[in-house]
Amino acid sequence: LRISPDAHIFNTDAPTLIAHAEGADTSRYPSSAKLALPLQGDALNLAPLLRYLVSEYEVTNVIVEGGATTFKHFFDQDIANELWVFTAHRAATHKPKLNMHDLVENLTLRSIDERKRGSDTMRRFRITR
């Protein structure tokens, strides 16, 4: 795991769940809840995480913030039903490993909403199968 055990996310303000690959050494992390996830190809199998969130916390919605790699895992495992894309008005200064535009091109999407959020654009899509 790359996050520091001293990170603020491990304070006592709210419970923290560490979802990690099976076999990962989590001994240096606080006694937060930990959930080992099996690998599915080159990614973690995320379905057990979602089942855990439903059973332990009665979660009905999950917001995933990340880049194209994170989203690709959710799309590849067919466990996302909406996509919200926030686009800044200026171009990125680096070239990402995965291009979000290319990733979205491979999905079947139905536009639900598009609007300005400050100087950014928010587009919301339903992922259809």
N, C-alpha and C. Protein backbone atom coordinates (compact mmCIF):
# COMPACT_ATOMS: atom_id res chain seq x y z
N LEU A 1 0.85 -1.18 0.00
CA LEU A 1 0.00 0.00 0.00
C LEU A 1 0.89 1.24 0.00
N ARG A 2 0.45 2.24 -0.74
CA ARG A 2 1.28 3.43 -0.88
C ARG A 2 0.91 4.55 0.10
N ILE A 3 -0.25 4.51 0.69
CA ILE A 3 -0.67 5.59 1.58
C ILE A 3 0.09 5.51 2.91
N SER A 4 0.43 6.64 3.44
CA SER A 4 1.15 6.69 4.72
C SER A 4 0.21 6.29 5.85
N PRO A 5 0.72 5.50 6.80
CA PRO A 5 -0.11 5.15 7.97
C PRO A 5 -0.47 6.37 8.82
N ASP A 6 0.24 7.49 8.60
CA ASP A 6 -0.02 8.72 9.35
C ASP A 6 -1.00 9.64 8.63
N ALA A 7 -1.56 9.22 7.50
CA ALA A 7 -2.48 10.05 6.73
C ALA A 7 -3.72 10.40 7.56
N HIS A 8 -4.25 11.57 7.32
CA HIS A 8 -5.42 12.04 8.07
C HIS A 8 -6.64 11.14 7.91
N ILE A 9 -6.69 10.37 6.83
CA ILE A 9 -7.85 9.51 6.61
C ILE A 9 -8.00 8.47 7.72
N PHE A 10 -6.91 8.22 8.45
CA PHE A 10 -6.95 7.24 9.53
C PHE A 10 -7.28 7.88 10.88
N ASN A 11 -7.73 9.16 10.90
CA ASN A 11 -8.12 9.76 12.18
C ASN A 11 -9.42 9.10 12.65
N THR A 12 -9.92 9.54 13.77
CA THR A 12 -11.11 8.90 14.34
C THR A 12 -12.40 9.62 13.99
N ASP A 13 -12.36 10.56 13.04
CA ASP A 13 -13.57 11.30 12.67
C ASP A 13 -14.62 10.41 12.02
N ALA A 14 -14.18 9.40 11.30
CA ALA A 14 -15.10 8.50 10.60
C ALA A 14 -14.39 7.17 10.39
N PRO A 15 -15.15 6.10 10.24
CA PRO A 15 -14.49 4.80 10.00
C PRO A 15 -13.80 4.79 8.64
N THR A 16 -12.68 4.09 8.58
CA THR A 16 -11.92 3.96 7.34
C THR A 16 -11.79 2.48 7.01
N LEU A 17 -12.11 2.14 5.79
CA LEU A 17 -11.96 0.77 5.31
C LEU A 17 -10.79 0.74 4.35
N ILE A 18 -9.85 -0.16 4.60
CA ILE A 18 -8.72 -0.34 3.70
C ILE A 18 -9.01 -1.57 2.85
N ALA A 19 -9.29 -1.36 1.59
CA ALA A 19 -9.49 -2.47 0.64
C ALA A 19 -8.15 -2.67 -0.05
N HIS A 20 -7.64 -3.90 -0.02
CA HIS A 20 -6.29 -4.16 -0.51
C HIS A 20 -6.23 -5.53 -1.18
N ALA A 21 -5.15 -5.76 -1.90
CA ALA A 21 -4.94 -7.05 -2.55
C ALA A 21 -4.69 -8.12 -1.50
N GLU A 22 -5.20 -9.31 -1.75
CA GLU A 22 -4.91 -10.43 -0.87
C GLU A 22 -3.39 -10.56 -0.75
N GLY A 23 -2.91 -10.79 0.47
CA GLY A 23 -1.48 -10.98 0.69
C GLY A 23 -0.71 -9.70 0.94
N ALA A 24 -1.35 -8.53 0.78
CA ALA A 24 -0.65 -7.27 1.03
C ALA A 24 -0.38 -7.12 2.52
N ASP A 25 0.76 -6.56 2.87
CA ASP A 25 1.12 -6.35 4.27
C ASP A 25 0.45 -5.08 4.76
N THR A 26 -0.54 -5.23 5.62
CA THR A 26 -1.25 -4.08 6.17
C THR A 26 -0.92 -3.86 7.64
N SER A 27 0.12 -4.53 8.15
CA SER A 27 0.42 -4.51 9.58
C SER A 27 0.82 -3.12 10.09
N ARG A 28 1.33 -2.24 9.24
CA ARG A 28 1.74 -0.92 9.71
C ARG A 28 0.59 0.09 9.74
N TYR A 29 -0.59 -0.35 9.36
CA TYR A 29 -1.74 0.55 9.33
C TYR A 29 -2.55 0.41 10.61
N PRO A 30 -3.21 1.50 11.02
CA PRO A 30 -4.04 1.45 12.22
C PRO A 30 -5.08 0.34 12.14
N SER A 31 -5.70 0.08 13.23
CA SER A 31 -6.65 -1.04 13.30
C SER A 31 -7.98 -0.71 12.62
N SER A 32 -7.90 -0.05 11.49
CA SER A 32 -9.10 0.21 10.69
C SER A 32 -9.63 -1.11 10.16
N ALA A 33 -10.84 -1.09 9.67
CA ALA A 33 -11.38 -2.28 9.00
C ALA A 33 -10.55 -2.52 7.74
N LYS A 34 -10.26 -3.78 7.47
CA LYS A 34 -9.47 -4.14 6.30
C LYS A 34 -10.19 -5.23 5.54
N LEU A 35 -10.14 -5.14 4.22
CA LEU A 35 -10.81 -6.12 3.38
C LEU A 35 -9.86 -6.54 2.26
N ALA A 36 -9.46 -7.80 2.27
CA ALA A 36 -8.58 -8.34 1.23
C ALA A 36 -9.41 -8.70 0.01
N LEU A 37 -8.97 -8.23 -1.14
CA LEU A 37 -9.68 -8.48 -2.40
C LEU A 37 -8.82 -9.35 -3.31
N PRO A 38 -9.44 -10.33 -3.97
CA PRO A 38 -8.67 -11.17 -4.90
C PRO A 38 -8.38 -10.41 -6.18
N LEU A 39 -7.34 -10.85 -6.86
CA LEU A 39 -7.02 -10.27 -8.17
C LEU A 39 -7.93 -10.86 -9.24
N GLN A 40 -8.26 -10.02 -10.20
CA GLN A 40 -9.01 -10.44 -11.39
C GLN A 40 -8.21 -9.91 -12.57
N GLY A 41 -7.38 -10.75 -13.14
CA GLY A 41 -6.45 -10.29 -14.17
C GLY A 41 -5.40 -9.42 -13.51
N ASP A 42 -5.25 -8.20 -14.00
CA ASP A 42 -4.25 -7.28 -13.44
C ASP A 42 -4.86 -6.27 -12.47
N ALA A 43 -6.09 -6.49 -12.05
CA ALA A 43 -6.78 -5.54 -11.17
C ALA A 43 -7.42 -6.29 -10.00
N LEU A 44 -7.79 -5.53 -8.99
CA LEU A 44 -8.53 -6.12 -7.88
C LEU A 44 -9.95 -6.43 -8.32
N ASN A 45 -10.49 -7.54 -7.86
CA ASN A 45 -11.89 -7.86 -8.10
C ASN A 45 -12.69 -6.98 -7.14
N LEU A 46 -13.43 -6.04 -7.68
CA LEU A 46 -14.12 -5.03 -6.87
C LEU A 46 -15.49 -5.45 -6.38
N ALA A 47 -16.06 -6.51 -6.94
CA ALA A 47 -17.40 -6.95 -6.53
C ALA A 47 -17.47 -7.29 -5.04
N PRO A 48 -16.48 -7.99 -4.45
CA PRO A 48 -16.55 -8.25 -3.01
C PRO A 48 -16.55 -6.97 -2.18
N LEU A 49 -15.86 -5.94 -2.65
CA LEU A 49 -15.87 -4.66 -1.93
C LEU A 49 -17.27 -4.07 -1.92
N LEU A 50 -17.93 -4.07 -3.06
CA LEU A 50 -19.29 -3.51 -3.12
C LEU A 50 -20.26 -4.33 -2.28
N ARG A 51 -20.13 -5.65 -2.31
CA ARG A 51 -20.99 -6.49 -1.46
C ARG A 51 -20.76 -6.20 0.02
N TYR A 52 -19.51 -5.98 0.40
CA TYR A 52 -19.16 -5.65 1.79
C TYR A 52 -19.81 -4.32 2.20
N LEU A 53 -19.72 -3.32 1.33
CA LEU A 53 -20.30 -2.02 1.64
C LEU A 53 -21.82 -2.10 1.83
N VAL A 54 -22.46 -2.93 1.03
CA VAL A 54 -23.91 -3.13 1.18
C VAL A 54 -24.22 -3.85 2.48
N SER A 55 -23.51 -4.92 2.77
CA SER A 55 -23.85 -5.73 3.95
C SER A 55 -23.47 -5.05 5.26
N GLU A 56 -22.35 -4.34 5.28
CA GLU A 56 -21.89 -3.74 6.54
C GLU A 56 -22.41 -2.32 6.78
N TYR A 57 -22.65 -1.58 5.71
CA TYR A 57 -23.01 -0.17 5.83
C TYR A 57 -24.32 0.18 5.15
N GLU A 58 -24.99 -0.79 4.54
CA GLU A 58 -26.23 -0.57 3.82
C GLU A 58 -26.08 0.50 2.74
N VAL A 59 -24.94 0.52 2.10
CA VAL A 59 -24.64 1.48 1.04
C VAL A 59 -25.50 1.17 -0.19
N THR A 60 -26.05 2.21 -0.79
CA THR A 60 -26.83 2.03 -2.01
C THR A 60 -26.19 2.75 -3.20
N ASN A 61 -25.25 3.65 -2.94
CA ASN A 61 -24.56 4.38 -4.00
C ASN A 61 -23.09 4.53 -3.62
N VAL A 62 -22.23 4.43 -4.60
CA VAL A 62 -20.80 4.62 -4.39
C VAL A 62 -20.31 5.62 -5.42
N ILE A 63 -19.59 6.63 -4.96
CA ILE A 63 -18.97 7.59 -5.85
C ILE A 63 -17.49 7.22 -5.93
N VAL A 64 -17.01 7.03 -7.13
CA VAL A 64 -15.61 6.67 -7.35
C VAL A 64 -14.91 7.87 -7.97
N GLU A 65 -13.91 8.36 -7.28
CA GLU A 65 -13.12 9.46 -7.84
C GLU A 65 -11.77 8.88 -8.22
N GLY A 66 -11.38 9.11 -9.44
CA GLY A 66 -10.10 8.58 -9.89
C GLY A 66 -9.84 8.96 -11.32
N GLY A 67 -8.82 8.34 -11.84
CA GLY A 67 -8.47 8.58 -13.23
C GLY A 67 -8.92 7.44 -14.10
N ALA A 68 -8.43 7.45 -15.32
CA ALA A 68 -8.87 6.48 -16.31
C ALA A 68 -8.57 5.04 -15.89
N THR A 69 -7.44 4.80 -15.22
CA THR A 69 -7.11 3.43 -14.80
C THR A 69 -8.13 2.91 -13.81
N THR A 70 -8.47 3.72 -12.81
CA THR A 70 -9.47 3.31 -11.82
C THR A 70 -10.80 3.04 -12.49
N PHE A 71 -11.23 3.96 -13.35
CA PHE A 71 -12.52 3.78 -14.02
C PHE A 71 -12.52 2.56 -14.93
N LYS A 72 -11.40 2.31 -15.58
CA LYS A 72 -11.31 1.15 -16.47
C LYS A 72 -11.61 -0.14 -15.71
N HIS A 73 -11.12 -0.24 -14.49
CA HIS A 73 -11.38 -1.44 -13.70
C HIS A 73 -12.88 -1.60 -13.40
N PHE A 74 -13.55 -0.51 -13.08
CA PHE A 74 -15.00 -0.57 -12.84
C PHE A 74 -15.75 -0.92 -14.12
N PHE A 75 -15.36 -0.34 -15.24
CA PHE A 75 -16.03 -0.62 -16.50
C PHE A 75 -15.77 -2.05 -16.94
N ASP A 76 -14.51 -2.49 -16.86
CA ASP A 76 -14.16 -3.85 -17.29
C ASP A 76 -14.90 -4.91 -16.47
N GLN A 77 -15.16 -4.61 -15.19
CA GLN A 77 -15.84 -5.57 -14.32
C GLN A 77 -17.36 -5.38 -14.36
N ASP A 78 -17.84 -4.46 -15.21
CA ASP A 78 -19.27 -4.25 -15.42
C ASP A 78 -20.02 -3.92 -14.13
N ILE A 79 -19.43 -3.05 -13.31
CA ILE A 79 -20.07 -2.71 -12.03
C ILE A 79 -20.34 -1.20 -11.89
N ALA A 80 -20.33 -0.50 -13.00
CA ALA A 80 -20.69 0.93 -12.99
C ALA A 80 -21.94 1.12 -13.83
N ASN A 81 -22.83 2.01 -13.37
CA ASN A 81 -24.04 2.25 -14.16
C ASN A 81 -24.18 3.71 -14.59
N GLU A 82 -23.37 4.59 -14.03
CA GLU A 82 -23.37 5.99 -14.46
C GLU A 82 -21.94 6.49 -14.52
N LEU A 83 -21.74 7.48 -15.35
CA LEU A 83 -20.45 8.14 -15.48
C LEU A 83 -20.68 9.63 -15.45
N TRP A 84 -20.02 10.30 -14.54
CA TRP A 84 -20.06 11.76 -14.46
C TRP A 84 -18.67 12.25 -14.84
N VAL A 85 -18.58 13.07 -15.86
CA VAL A 85 -17.29 13.56 -16.34
C VAL A 85 -17.24 15.07 -16.13
N PHE A 86 -16.25 15.50 -15.37
CA PHE A 86 -16.01 16.92 -15.15
C PHE A 86 -14.79 17.30 -15.99
N THR A 87 -14.94 18.27 -16.86
CA THR A 87 -13.88 18.66 -17.77
C THR A 87 -13.48 20.09 -17.49
N ALA A 88 -12.19 20.28 -17.22
CA ALA A 88 -11.66 21.63 -17.00
C ALA A 88 -11.55 22.35 -18.34
N HIS A 89 -11.57 23.65 -18.27
CA HIS A 89 -11.50 24.44 -19.51
C HIS A 89 -10.09 24.51 -20.07
N ARG A 90 -9.10 24.05 -19.33
CA ARG A 90 -7.73 24.05 -19.85
C ARG A 90 -7.22 22.62 -19.99
N ALA A 91 -6.30 22.43 -20.89
CA ALA A 91 -5.75 21.09 -21.15
C ALA A 91 -4.77 20.68 -20.05
N ALA A 92 -4.66 19.38 -19.84
CA ALA A 92 -3.71 18.85 -18.87
C ALA A 92 -2.29 19.13 -19.34
N THR A 93 -1.37 19.21 -18.40
CA THR A 93 0.02 19.48 -18.73
C THR A 93 0.84 18.21 -18.86
N HIS A 94 0.22 17.05 -18.65
CA HIS A 94 0.93 15.78 -18.77
C HIS A 94 0.12 14.81 -19.63
N LYS A 95 0.78 13.80 -20.14
CA LYS A 95 0.09 12.79 -20.95
C LYS A 95 -0.21 11.59 -20.05
N PRO A 96 -1.48 11.27 -19.82
CA PRO A 96 -1.84 10.15 -18.96
C PRO A 96 -1.52 8.80 -19.62
N LYS A 97 -1.35 7.77 -18.78
CA LYS A 97 -1.11 6.42 -19.30
C LYS A 97 -2.31 5.94 -20.11
N LEU A 98 -3.50 6.21 -19.60
CA LEU A 98 -4.74 5.89 -20.31
C LEU A 98 -5.47 7.19 -20.59
N ASN A 99 -6.02 7.30 -21.75
CA ASN A 99 -6.76 8.49 -22.12
C ASN A 99 -8.23 8.26 -21.81
N MET A 100 -8.81 9.11 -20.99
CA MET A 100 -10.21 8.96 -20.59
C MET A 100 -11.13 9.02 -21.81
N HIS A 101 -10.81 9.84 -22.78
CA HIS A 101 -11.65 9.93 -23.98
C HIS A 101 -11.68 8.59 -24.72
N ASP A 102 -10.51 7.94 -24.85
CA ASP A 102 -10.46 6.63 -25.51
C ASP A 102 -11.25 5.59 -24.72
N LEU A 103 -11.14 5.65 -23.40
CA LEU A 103 -11.86 4.70 -22.54
C LEU A 103 -13.37 4.85 -22.71
N VAL A 104 -13.85 6.06 -22.71
CA VAL A 104 -15.28 6.33 -22.84
C VAL A 104 -15.78 5.94 -24.23
N GLU A 105 -14.93 6.07 -25.24
CA GLU A 105 -15.33 5.70 -26.61
C GLU A 105 -15.75 4.23 -26.69
N ASN A 106 -15.22 3.37 -25.81
CA ASN A 106 -15.52 1.94 -25.84
C ASN A 106 -16.77 1.58 -25.04
N LEU A 107 -17.45 2.57 -24.48
CA LEU A 107 -18.67 2.32 -23.72
C LEU A 107 -19.89 2.72 -24.53
N THR A 108 -21.01 2.10 -24.21
CA THR A 108 -22.27 2.53 -24.80
C THR A 108 -22.93 3.44 -23.77
N LEU A 109 -23.02 4.72 -24.11
CA LEU A 109 -23.50 5.73 -23.17
C LEU A 109 -24.74 6.43 -23.70
N ARG A 110 -25.60 6.82 -22.75
CA ARG A 110 -26.75 7.66 -23.08
C ARG A 110 -26.62 8.92 -22.23
N SER A 111 -26.58 10.06 -22.87
CA SER A 111 -26.43 11.32 -22.16
C SER A 111 -27.65 11.60 -21.29
N ILE A 112 -27.42 11.96 -20.05
CA ILE A 112 -28.50 12.28 -19.12
C ILE A 112 -28.54 13.79 -18.86
N ASP A 113 -27.35 14.40 -18.75
CA ASP A 113 -27.30 15.80 -18.34
C ASP A 113 -25.95 16.40 -18.75
N GLU A 114 -25.96 17.68 -19.05
CA GLU A 114 -24.73 18.42 -19.29
C GLU A 114 -24.95 19.84 -18.84
N ARG A 115 -24.02 20.36 -18.05
CA ARG A 115 -24.15 21.74 -17.56
C ARG A 115 -22.80 22.28 -17.13
N LYS A 116 -22.72 23.58 -17.03
CA LYS A 116 -21.51 24.24 -16.56
C LYS A 116 -21.48 24.20 -15.04
N ARG A 117 -20.30 23.97 -14.51
CA ARG A 117 -20.05 24.03 -13.06
C ARG A 117 -18.86 24.96 -12.88
N GLY A 118 -19.15 26.23 -12.63
CA GLY A 118 -18.07 27.22 -12.62
C GLY A 118 -17.50 27.31 -14.02
N SER A 119 -16.19 27.15 -14.14
CA SER A 119 -15.58 27.19 -15.47
C SER A 119 -15.45 25.79 -16.08
N ASP A 120 -15.87 24.77 -15.35
CA ASP A 120 -15.81 23.38 -15.84
C ASP A 120 -17.14 22.97 -16.46
N THR A 121 -17.10 21.87 -17.19
CA THR A 121 -18.31 21.29 -17.75
C THR A 121 -18.53 19.93 -17.10
N MET A 122 -19.75 19.68 -16.65
CA MET A 122 -20.12 18.39 -16.07
C MET A 122 -21.04 17.69 -17.05
N ARG A 123 -20.66 16.46 -17.43
CA ARG A 123 -21.52 15.66 -18.29
C ARG A 123 -21.83 14.35 -17.56
N ARG A 124 -23.11 13.98 -17.57
CA ARG A 124 -23.57 12.78 -16.87
C ARG A 124 -24.14 11.82 -17.90
N PHE A 125 -23.70 10.55 -17.80
CA PHE A 125 -24.13 9.53 -18.74
C PHE A 125 -24.65 8.31 -18.00
N ARG A 126 -25.61 7.61 -18.60
CA ARG A 126 -26.03 6.28 -18.17
C ARG A 126 -25.24 5.30 -19.01
N ILE A 127 -24.62 4.32 -18.36
CA ILE A 127 -23.89 3.28 -19.08
C ILE A 127 -24.90 2.19 -19.42
N THR A 128 -25.08 1.95 -20.69
CA THR A 128 -26.03 0.91 -21.12
C THR A 128 -25.24 -0.31 -21.54
N ARG A 129 -25.84 -1.46 -21.36
CA ARG A 129 -25.13 -2.71 -21.67
C ARG A 129 -25.58 -3.25 -22.99
